[in-house]
Amino acid sequence: MGQLAAGATPGDLVAARTQMAVSLGWHIVLACLGVGMPAITLIAEWRGHRTGDANYRLLARRWGRAMGVLFAVGAVSGTILSFEMGLLWPGMIGVYGQVIGLPFTLEGIAFFIEAIFLGLYLYAWDRLSPVKHLLSGVPIVVAGVLSAFFVVTANAWMQAPVGFRAVNGRIVEVHPWRAMFNPSFPSQTVHMILAAFMVAGFGIASVYAVAMLRGRRDRYHRLGLLLPFTVAAVVALPQVVVGDWAARFVADHQPIKLAAMEGVFDSARGVPLHIAGVAIDGRLRYALGIPDGLSLLAHADPDAEIIGLNTVPPADRPPVNIVHWGFQVMVGLGLAMLLLALWLGASWWRRRDMPRTRWFLLATSVSGLAAVGALEAGWAVTEVRRR
């Protein structure tokens, strides 16, 4: 295996990265639905028992069936990824598997717990009392969140590798718990879990928004929109705060990645925050700059120094346009979803009703795609050249 890895060409590396990116890009959407959808389904079931509204119970039952199908598909795509980790990256797994193997093991346990209770939840719908059936779904929610947490801690370790020492090319003094709870894990895991609830919430709501645009304005479709939308809206505001927290970590620990995110080529103080722009010939052109904005956001000081891309060789720089525009898309779509959530909040506060305009339904109908787009763009920023 070592000889095969040593004989890999740059083209092989590009092919491996591309295959992994496609697999991850598909699986992460299913994983987000697996994290957020169980909680939304249980809320609907609980509301049905509490209010006696049959529409809530019907929504919960239908979402439960969809959840089972999505879980099965996600299990297959996740299995593909586990094979790719060993087949495409044997060198990394062979050397560092002992360091980051713990979170993958714990994720496997969480996965089986989720699978067992999901089967029980679906099979026992009419065989358990309402309270017992509702309680049987709680482990699905907990295991789904923990599964995402464990996997993301492994990815966070790649952003801030700790928990080992390298001596003469050998890994010694391995501390798996320290590796799992690395400096990057707090902000990255919280950011990812909140994103999962936004993808699930806006994704489900968008289906019912399309139906309402087609004239289905009954209570069933109205609740099908409002309940998951509310869950997504509740996490949208803290997600902005957590995103700022994650960006500050990048500023402190990955200054070259921050420079790529903002298209900063020369180190300077009082660096503006760039909106849009394209990197051409070592400069960010056509960007709108907010004076001192980047220095202020990154270090809480409008005169703080920002390290530029020119401080490292070109080979060590992330591809600026990919990272910069990935960051722009993530932030732009995230703010758009926050405004949509505030729109609903303002309408509910004034009239105890959702906005009656067709524009709200149109915006909600594309919010699911927007959430997925922000998710994919954010992972592109995270994964493309981790320096």
Protein backbone atom coordinates (compact mmCIF):
# COMPACT_ATOMS: atom_id res chain seq x y z
CA MET A 1 0.00 0.00 0.00
CA GLY A 2 2.87 2.36 0.78
CA GLN A 3 4.40 1.70 -2.66
CA LEU A 4 1.06 2.46 -4.31
CA ALA A 5 0.76 5.72 -2.36
CA ALA A 6 4.31 6.69 -3.22
CA GLY A 7 3.59 6.08 -6.92
CA ALA A 8 0.55 8.37 -7.00
CA THR A 9 0.72 11.21 -9.50
CA PRO A 10 -0.65 14.77 -9.10
CA GLY A 11 -3.50 13.69 -11.37
CA ASP A 12 -4.32 10.85 -8.98
CA LEU A 13 -4.44 13.34 -6.11
CA VAL A 14 -6.85 15.61 -7.99
CA ALA A 15 -9.05 12.61 -8.86
CA ALA A 16 -9.08 11.44 -5.23
CA ARG A 17 -9.96 14.91 -3.96
CA THR A 18 -12.70 15.29 -6.56
CA GLN A 19 -14.25 11.93 -5.74
CA MET A 20 -14.16 12.69 -2.02
CA ALA A 21 -15.66 16.14 -2.58
CA VAL A 22 -18.55 14.75 -4.64
CA SER A 23 -19.25 12.03 -2.08
CA LEU A 24 -19.10 14.43 0.84
CA GLY A 25 -21.15 17.06 -0.97
CA TRP A 26 -23.97 14.56 -1.42
CA HIS A 27 -23.73 12.88 1.97
CA ILE A 28 -23.64 16.09 4.01
CA VAL A 29 -27.12 17.07 2.84
CA LEU A 30 -28.53 13.70 3.91
CA ALA A 31 -26.62 13.94 7.19
CA CYS A 32 -28.15 17.34 7.92
CA LEU A 33 -31.64 15.98 7.32
CA GLY A 34 -30.77 13.08 9.62
CA VAL A 35 -29.77 15.51 12.37
CA GLY A 36 -32.59 18.06 12.09
CA MET A 37 -35.59 16.09 10.81
CA PRO A 38 -36.08 13.81 13.86
CA ALA A 39 -36.42 16.80 16.20
CA ILE A 40 -38.90 18.51 13.88
CA THR A 41 -40.90 15.28 13.58
CA LEU A 42 -41.05 14.82 17.35
CA ILE A 43 -42.18 18.41 17.84
CA ALA A 44 -45.03 17.79 15.39
CA GLU A 45 -46.01 14.58 17.19
CA TRP A 46 -45.87 16.33 20.58
CA ARG A 47 -48.02 19.18 19.30
CA GLY A 48 -50.50 16.67 17.94
CA HIS A 49 -50.85 14.99 21.34
CA ARG A 50 -50.98 18.29 23.20
CA THR A 51 -53.54 20.03 20.98
CA GLY A 52 -55.43 17.06 19.59
CA ASP A 53 -54.91 18.42 16.07
CA ALA A 54 -54.88 15.53 13.62
CA ASN A 55 -52.87 17.60 11.13
CA TYR A 56 -49.83 17.56 13.41
CA ARG A 57 -50.06 13.80 13.82
CA LEU A 58 -50.39 13.32 10.06
CA LEU A 59 -47.35 15.52 9.45
CA ALA A 60 -45.33 13.60 12.03
CA ARG A 61 -46.26 10.24 10.51
CA ARG A 62 -45.38 11.32 6.97
CA TRP A 63 -42.15 12.97 8.04
CA GLY A 64 -41.26 9.82 9.99
CA ARG A 65 -41.59 7.70 6.86
CA ALA A 66 -39.49 10.14 4.86
CA MET A 67 -36.95 10.12 7.67
CA GLY A 68 -36.63 6.35 7.41
CA VAL A 69 -35.96 6.47 3.68
CA LEU A 70 -33.44 9.30 4.01
CA PHE A 71 -31.67 7.47 6.84
CA ALA A 72 -31.25 4.38 4.67
CA VAL A 73 -29.86 6.39 1.76
CA GLY A 74 -27.58 8.33 4.10
CA ALA A 75 -26.27 5.10 5.59
CA VAL A 76 -25.24 3.94 2.11
CA SER A 77 -23.54 7.24 1.22
CA GLY A 78 -21.78 7.26 4.59
CA THR A 79 -20.52 3.72 4.03
CA ILE A 80 -19.08 4.84 0.70
CA LEU A 81 -17.20 7.61 2.50
CA SER A 82 -15.77 5.20 5.05
CA PHE A 83 -14.35 3.07 2.23
CA GLU A 84 -12.98 6.16 0.47
CA MET A 85 -11.16 7.27 3.61
CA GLY A 86 -9.11 4.08 3.56
CA LEU A 87 -8.78 3.59 -0.21
CA LEU A 88 -8.08 7.18 -1.26
CA TRP A 89 -6.06 8.32 1.76
CA PRO A 90 -4.21 5.21 3.02
CA GLY A 91 -1.17 7.21 4.04
CA MET A 92 -3.08 9.56 6.32
CA ILE A 93 -5.22 6.82 7.85
CA GLY A 94 -2.24 4.51 8.29
CA VAL A 95 -0.26 7.15 10.17
CA TYR A 96 -2.91 9.18 11.97
CA GLY A 97 -5.71 6.63 12.37
CA GLN A 98 -4.61 5.96 15.94
CA VAL A 99 -4.99 9.68 16.68
CA ILE A 100 -8.43 10.36 15.16
CA GLY A 101 -9.96 6.90 15.32
CA LEU A 102 -11.85 7.59 18.56
CA PRO A 103 -14.52 9.99 17.19
CA PHE A 104 -15.19 7.66 14.26
CA THR A 105 -15.71 4.78 16.68
CA LEU A 106 -18.08 6.83 18.82
CA GLU A 107 -19.93 7.96 15.70
CA GLY A 108 -20.45 4.31 14.75
CA ILE A 109 -22.03 3.63 18.15
CA ALA A 110 -24.29 6.69 17.80
CA PHE A 111 -25.27 5.56 14.31
CA PHE A 112 -26.40 2.12 15.49
CA ILE A 113 -28.35 3.63 18.39
CA GLU A 114 -30.10 5.92 15.94
CA ALA A 115 -30.84 3.04 13.58
CA ILE A 116 -32.27 0.82 16.34
CA PHE A 117 -34.58 3.46 17.75
CA LEU A 118 -35.62 4.68 14.32
CA GLY A 119 -36.78 1.16 13.52
CA LEU A 120 -38.63 1.01 16.83
CA TYR A 121 -40.17 4.44 16.25
CA LEU A 122 -41.51 3.55 12.80
CA TYR A 123 -42.65 0.02 13.64
CA ALA A 124 -44.34 0.84 16.95
CA TRP A 125 -46.39 3.83 15.82
CA ASP A 126 -49.71 2.11 16.60
CA ARG A 127 -48.28 -0.44 19.03
CA LEU A 128 -47.15 1.84 21.87
CA SER A 129 -48.99 4.42 23.91
CA PRO A 130 -48.61 7.99 22.60
CA VAL A 131 -46.22 8.97 25.40
CA LYS A 132 -44.04 5.88 25.02
CA HIS A 133 -43.92 6.28 21.27
CA LEU A 134 -42.91 9.92 21.62
CA LEU A 135 -40.18 8.96 24.09
CA SER A 136 -38.88 6.29 21.70
CA GLY A 137 -38.00 9.07 19.30
CA VAL A 138 -35.84 11.01 21.77
CA PRO A 139 -32.78 8.73 21.35
CA ILE A 140 -33.01 9.29 17.58
CA VAL A 141 -32.62 13.04 18.09
CA VAL A 142 -29.79 12.67 20.63
CA ALA A 143 -27.91 10.05 18.60
CA GLY A 144 -28.27 12.08 15.39
CA VAL A 145 -26.79 15.19 16.99
CA LEU A 146 -24.00 13.19 18.65
CA SER A 147 -23.20 11.45 15.36
CA ALA A 148 -22.68 14.83 13.68
CA PHE A 149 -20.69 16.05 16.67
CA PHE A 150 -18.23 13.14 16.61
CA VAL A 151 -17.62 13.31 12.86
CA VAL A 152 -17.07 17.06 12.90
CA THR A 153 -14.58 16.79 15.77
CA ALA A 154 -12.48 14.57 13.47
CA ASN A 155 -12.64 17.21 10.74
CA ALA A 156 -11.89 19.93 13.27
CA TRP A 157 -8.72 18.03 14.21
CA MET A 158 -7.55 18.48 10.62
CA GLN A 159 -7.87 22.24 11.14
CA ALA A 160 -5.93 22.13 14.43
CA PRO A 161 -4.04 18.82 14.78
CA VAL A 162 -3.11 18.08 18.42
CA GLY A 163 -2.97 15.02 20.67
CA PHE A 164 0.25 13.46 19.37
CA ARG A 165 3.94 14.07 18.85
CA ALA A 166 5.99 13.24 15.77
CA VAL A 167 9.50 11.83 16.37
CA ASN A 168 11.64 10.80 13.38
CA GLY A 169 8.58 10.34 11.22
CA ARG A 170 6.76 8.23 13.82
CA ILE A 171 3.66 9.20 15.80
CA VAL A 172 4.18 8.85 19.55
CA GLU A 173 2.46 9.98 22.75
CA VAL A 174 -1.00 9.70 21.26
CA HIS A 175 -3.84 11.26 23.27
CA PRO A 176 -7.10 10.47 21.41
CA TRP A 177 -9.34 12.46 23.76
CA ARG A 178 -7.19 15.54 23.42
CA ALA A 179 -7.17 15.09 19.65
CA MET A 180 -10.95 14.87 19.57
CA PHE A 181 -11.42 17.90 21.81
CA ASN A 182 -9.02 20.03 19.78
CA PRO A 183 -9.05 23.85 19.71
CA SER A 184 -11.22 23.94 16.57
CA PHE A 185 -13.99 21.60 17.73
CA PRO A 186 -16.20 23.99 19.79
CA SER A 187 -17.00 26.51 17.07
CA GLN A 188 -16.97 24.02 14.20
CA THR A 189 -19.30 21.47 15.79
CA VAL A 190 -21.83 24.06 16.95
CA HIS A 191 -21.73 25.78 13.56
CA MET A 192 -22.36 22.48 11.78
CA ILE A 193 -25.19 21.29 14.04
CA LEU A 194 -27.03 24.61 13.74
CA ALA A 195 -26.54 24.45 9.96
CA ALA A 196 -28.11 20.97 9.96
CA PHE A 197 -31.25 22.29 11.64
CA MET A 198 -31.41 25.16 9.14
CA VAL A 199 -31.10 22.79 6.19
CA ALA A 200 -33.77 20.47 7.58
CA GLY A 201 -36.12 23.25 8.67
CA PHE A 202 -35.97 25.39 5.56
CA GLY A 203 -35.85 22.30 3.35
CA ILE A 204 -39.11 20.88 4.72
CA ALA A 205 -40.80 24.29 4.79
CA SER A 206 -39.93 24.90 1.15
CA VAL A 207 -41.91 21.82 0.08
CA TYR A 208 -45.08 23.17 1.69
CA ALA A 209 -44.43 26.68 0.41
CA VAL A 210 -44.47 25.32 -3.14
CA ALA A 211 -47.73 23.52 -2.40
CA MET A 212 -49.26 26.72 -1.01
CA LEU A 213 -48.19 28.63 -4.10
CA ARG A 214 -50.20 26.07 -6.07
CA GLY A 215 -53.31 26.88 -4.08
CA ARG A 216 -53.18 24.39 -1.22
CA ARG A 217 -53.82 26.84 1.61
CA ASP A 218 -55.43 24.43 4.12
CA ARG A 219 -54.29 24.08 7.72
CA TYR A 220 -52.25 20.95 6.99
CA HIS A 221 -49.98 22.74 4.52
CA ARG A 222 -49.84 25.88 6.66
CA LEU A 223 -48.60 23.89 9.67
CA GLY A 224 -46.24 21.94 7.41
CA LEU A 225 -44.61 25.24 6.50
CA LEU A 226 -44.72 27.03 9.85
CA LEU A 227 -43.39 24.31 12.17
CA PRO A 228 -40.10 23.47 10.39
CA PHE A 229 -39.67 27.10 9.33
CA THR A 230 -39.91 28.18 12.97
CA VAL A 231 -37.24 25.67 14.00
CA ALA A 232 -34.91 26.99 11.28
CA ALA A 233 -35.71 30.60 12.17
CA VAL A 234 -34.93 30.04 15.85
CA VAL A 235 -31.39 28.82 15.06
CA ALA A 236 -30.73 31.37 12.29
CA LEU A 237 -29.81 34.22 14.65
CA PRO A 238 -27.40 32.25 16.90
CA GLN A 239 -25.88 30.80 13.74
CA VAL A 240 -24.70 34.28 12.75
CA VAL A 241 -23.02 34.65 16.16
CA VAL A 242 -21.43 31.19 15.95
CA GLY A 243 -20.25 31.95 12.40
CA ASP A 244 -18.46 35.03 13.71
CA TRP A 245 -16.92 32.87 16.46
CA ALA A 246 -15.66 30.38 13.85
CA ALA A 247 -14.25 33.18 11.69
CA ARG A 248 -12.32 34.57 14.66
CA PHE A 249 -10.79 31.14 15.19
CA VAL A 250 -9.65 31.16 11.57
CA ALA A 251 -8.20 34.64 12.05
CA ASP A 252 -6.18 33.50 15.07
CA HIS A 253 -5.09 30.03 13.91
CA GLN A 254 -5.30 30.07 10.10
CA PRO A 255 -4.38 33.61 9.01
CA ILE A 256 -3.59 32.55 5.43
CA LYS A 257 -7.04 30.99 5.09
CA LEU A 258 -8.55 34.25 6.35
CA ALA A 259 -6.52 36.16 3.77
CA ALA A 260 -7.90 33.91 1.04
CA MET A 261 -11.45 34.28 2.35
CA GLU A 262 -11.16 38.06 2.06
CA GLY A 263 -8.75 38.33 -0.87
CA VAL A 264 -6.02 40.08 1.15
CA PHE A 265 -2.67 39.79 -0.62
CA ASP A 266 -0.52 42.31 1.28
CA SER A 267 -0.26 42.43 5.06
CA ALA A 268 -1.67 45.67 6.44
CA ARG A 269 -3.48 47.31 9.31
CA GLY A 270 -7.02 48.61 9.15
CA VAL A 271 -7.95 46.21 6.36
CA PRO A 272 -11.42 46.68 4.82
CA LEU A 273 -14.08 43.98 4.68
CA HIS A 274 -14.51 42.98 1.05
CA ILE A 275 -17.87 42.32 -0.57
CA ALA A 276 -17.72 40.49 -3.93
CA GLY A 277 -14.58 41.00 -6.04
CA VAL A 278 -12.39 38.72 -8.15
CA ALA A 279 -8.72 37.89 -7.60
CA ILE A 280 -6.78 38.77 -10.76
CA ASP A 281 -2.98 38.95 -11.04
CA GLY A 282 -2.38 39.09 -7.31
CA ARG A 283 -5.06 41.68 -6.53
CA LEU A 284 -8.70 41.59 -5.52
CA ARG A 285 -10.53 43.68 -8.10
CA TYR A 286 -14.09 45.03 -8.35
CA ALA A 287 -14.77 44.53 -4.63
CA LEU A 288 -16.78 46.83 -2.39
CA GLY A 289 -14.73 47.57 0.72
CA ILE A 290 -16.07 48.50 4.16
CA PRO A 291 -13.26 50.53 5.79
CA ASP A 292 -11.46 48.74 8.65
CA GLY A 293 -14.22 46.11 8.64
CA LEU A 294 -12.06 42.98 8.45
CA SER A 295 -9.64 44.12 11.14
CA LEU A 296 -12.56 44.98 13.40
CA LEU A 297 -14.45 41.73 12.87
CA ALA A 298 -11.39 39.47 13.03
CA HIS A 299 -9.64 41.01 16.04
CA ALA A 300 -12.11 43.52 17.56
CA ASP A 301 -9.67 46.29 16.67
CA PRO A 302 -10.11 48.52 13.60
CA ASP A 303 -6.33 48.94 13.41
CA ALA A 304 -5.42 45.25 13.80
CA GLU A 305 -2.97 43.73 11.34
CA ILE A 306 -4.17 41.17 8.81
CA ILE A 307 -1.55 38.78 7.41
CA GLY A 308 -1.57 38.73 3.60
CA LEU A 309 -1.24 35.90 1.11
CA ASN A 310 2.10 37.25 -0.13
CA THR A 311 3.76 36.16 3.12
CA VAL A 312 3.76 32.54 1.93
CA PRO A 313 4.88 30.96 -1.38
CA PRO A 314 2.19 30.70 -4.09
CA ALA A 315 2.16 26.90 -3.73
CA ASP A 316 1.06 27.26 -0.09
CA ARG A 317 -1.85 29.62 -0.80
CA PRO A 318 -5.46 28.44 -1.04
CA PRO A 319 -7.15 29.08 -4.41
CA VAL A 320 -8.38 32.57 -3.64
CA ASN A 321 -11.42 32.83 -5.88
CA ILE A 322 -12.84 29.48 -4.71
CA VAL A 323 -12.38 30.26 -1.03
CA HIS A 324 -13.36 33.93 -1.33
CA TRP A 325 -16.55 33.27 -3.26
CA GLY A 326 -17.43 30.26 -1.13
CA PHE A 327 -17.29 32.56 1.89
CA GLN A 328 -19.28 35.27 0.11
CA VAL A 329 -22.01 32.83 -0.90
CA MET A 330 -22.22 31.29 2.57
CA VAL A 331 -22.50 34.63 4.34
CA GLY A 332 -24.86 36.12 1.75
CA LEU A 333 -27.28 33.21 1.79
CA GLY A 334 -27.07 32.97 5.57
CA LEU A 335 -28.03 36.62 5.99
CA ALA A 336 -30.83 36.23 3.44
CA MET A 337 -32.30 33.34 5.46
CA LEU A 338 -31.97 35.39 8.64
CA LEU A 339 -33.94 38.24 7.03
CA LEU A 340 -36.60 35.74 5.93
CA ALA A 341 -36.83 34.47 9.51
CA LEU A 342 -37.15 38.03 10.83
CA TRP A 343 -39.89 38.68 8.26
CA LEU A 344 -41.93 35.83 9.70
CA GLY A 345 -41.14 36.94 13.25
CA ALA A 346 -42.29 40.51 12.60
CA SER A 347 -45.52 39.34 10.97
CA TRP A 348 -46.26 36.92 13.81
CA TRP A 349 -45.58 39.59 16.44
CA ARG A 350 -47.96 42.05 14.74
CA ARG A 351 -50.81 39.77 13.58
CA ARG A 352 -50.15 36.30 15.04
CA ASP A 353 -50.05 35.08 11.46
CA MET A 354 -47.53 34.36 8.73
CA PRO A 355 -46.98 36.98 6.00
CA ARG A 356 -49.86 36.91 3.54
CA THR A 357 -47.90 38.11 0.54
CA ARG A 358 -46.99 35.79 -2.31
CA TRP A 359 -43.40 37.04 -2.08
CA PHE A 360 -42.97 35.35 1.29
CA LEU A 361 -44.05 32.01 -0.14
CA LEU A 362 -41.75 32.46 -3.12
CA ALA A 363 -38.81 33.24 -0.82
CA THR A 364 -39.64 30.29 1.44
CA SER A 365 -39.94 27.96 -1.55
CA VAL A 366 -36.27 28.56 -2.41
CA SER A 367 -35.03 28.76 1.19
CA GLY A 368 -34.30 25.02 1.25
CA LEU A 369 -32.02 25.30 -1.76
CA ALA A 370 -30.45 28.41 -0.20
CA ALA A 371 -29.70 26.51 3.00
CA VAL A 372 -28.06 23.69 1.05
CA GLY A 373 -26.10 26.22 -1.03
CA ALA A 374 -24.81 27.95 2.11
CA LEU A 375 -23.89 24.56 3.59
CA GLU A 376 -21.92 23.45 0.53
CA ALA A 377 -20.21 26.82 0.17
CA GLY A 378 -19.20 26.81 3.84
CA TRP A 379 -17.66 23.35 3.55
CA ALA A 380 -15.76 24.45 0.45
CA VAL A 381 -14.28 27.28 2.49
CA THR A 382 -13.38 24.88 5.31
CA GLU A 383 -11.90 22.10 3.23
CA VAL A 384 -10.11 23.80 0.34
CA ARG A 385 -6.49 24.11 1.46
CA ARG A 386 -6.61 24.09 5.26
CA ARG A 387 -3.48 26.15 5.84
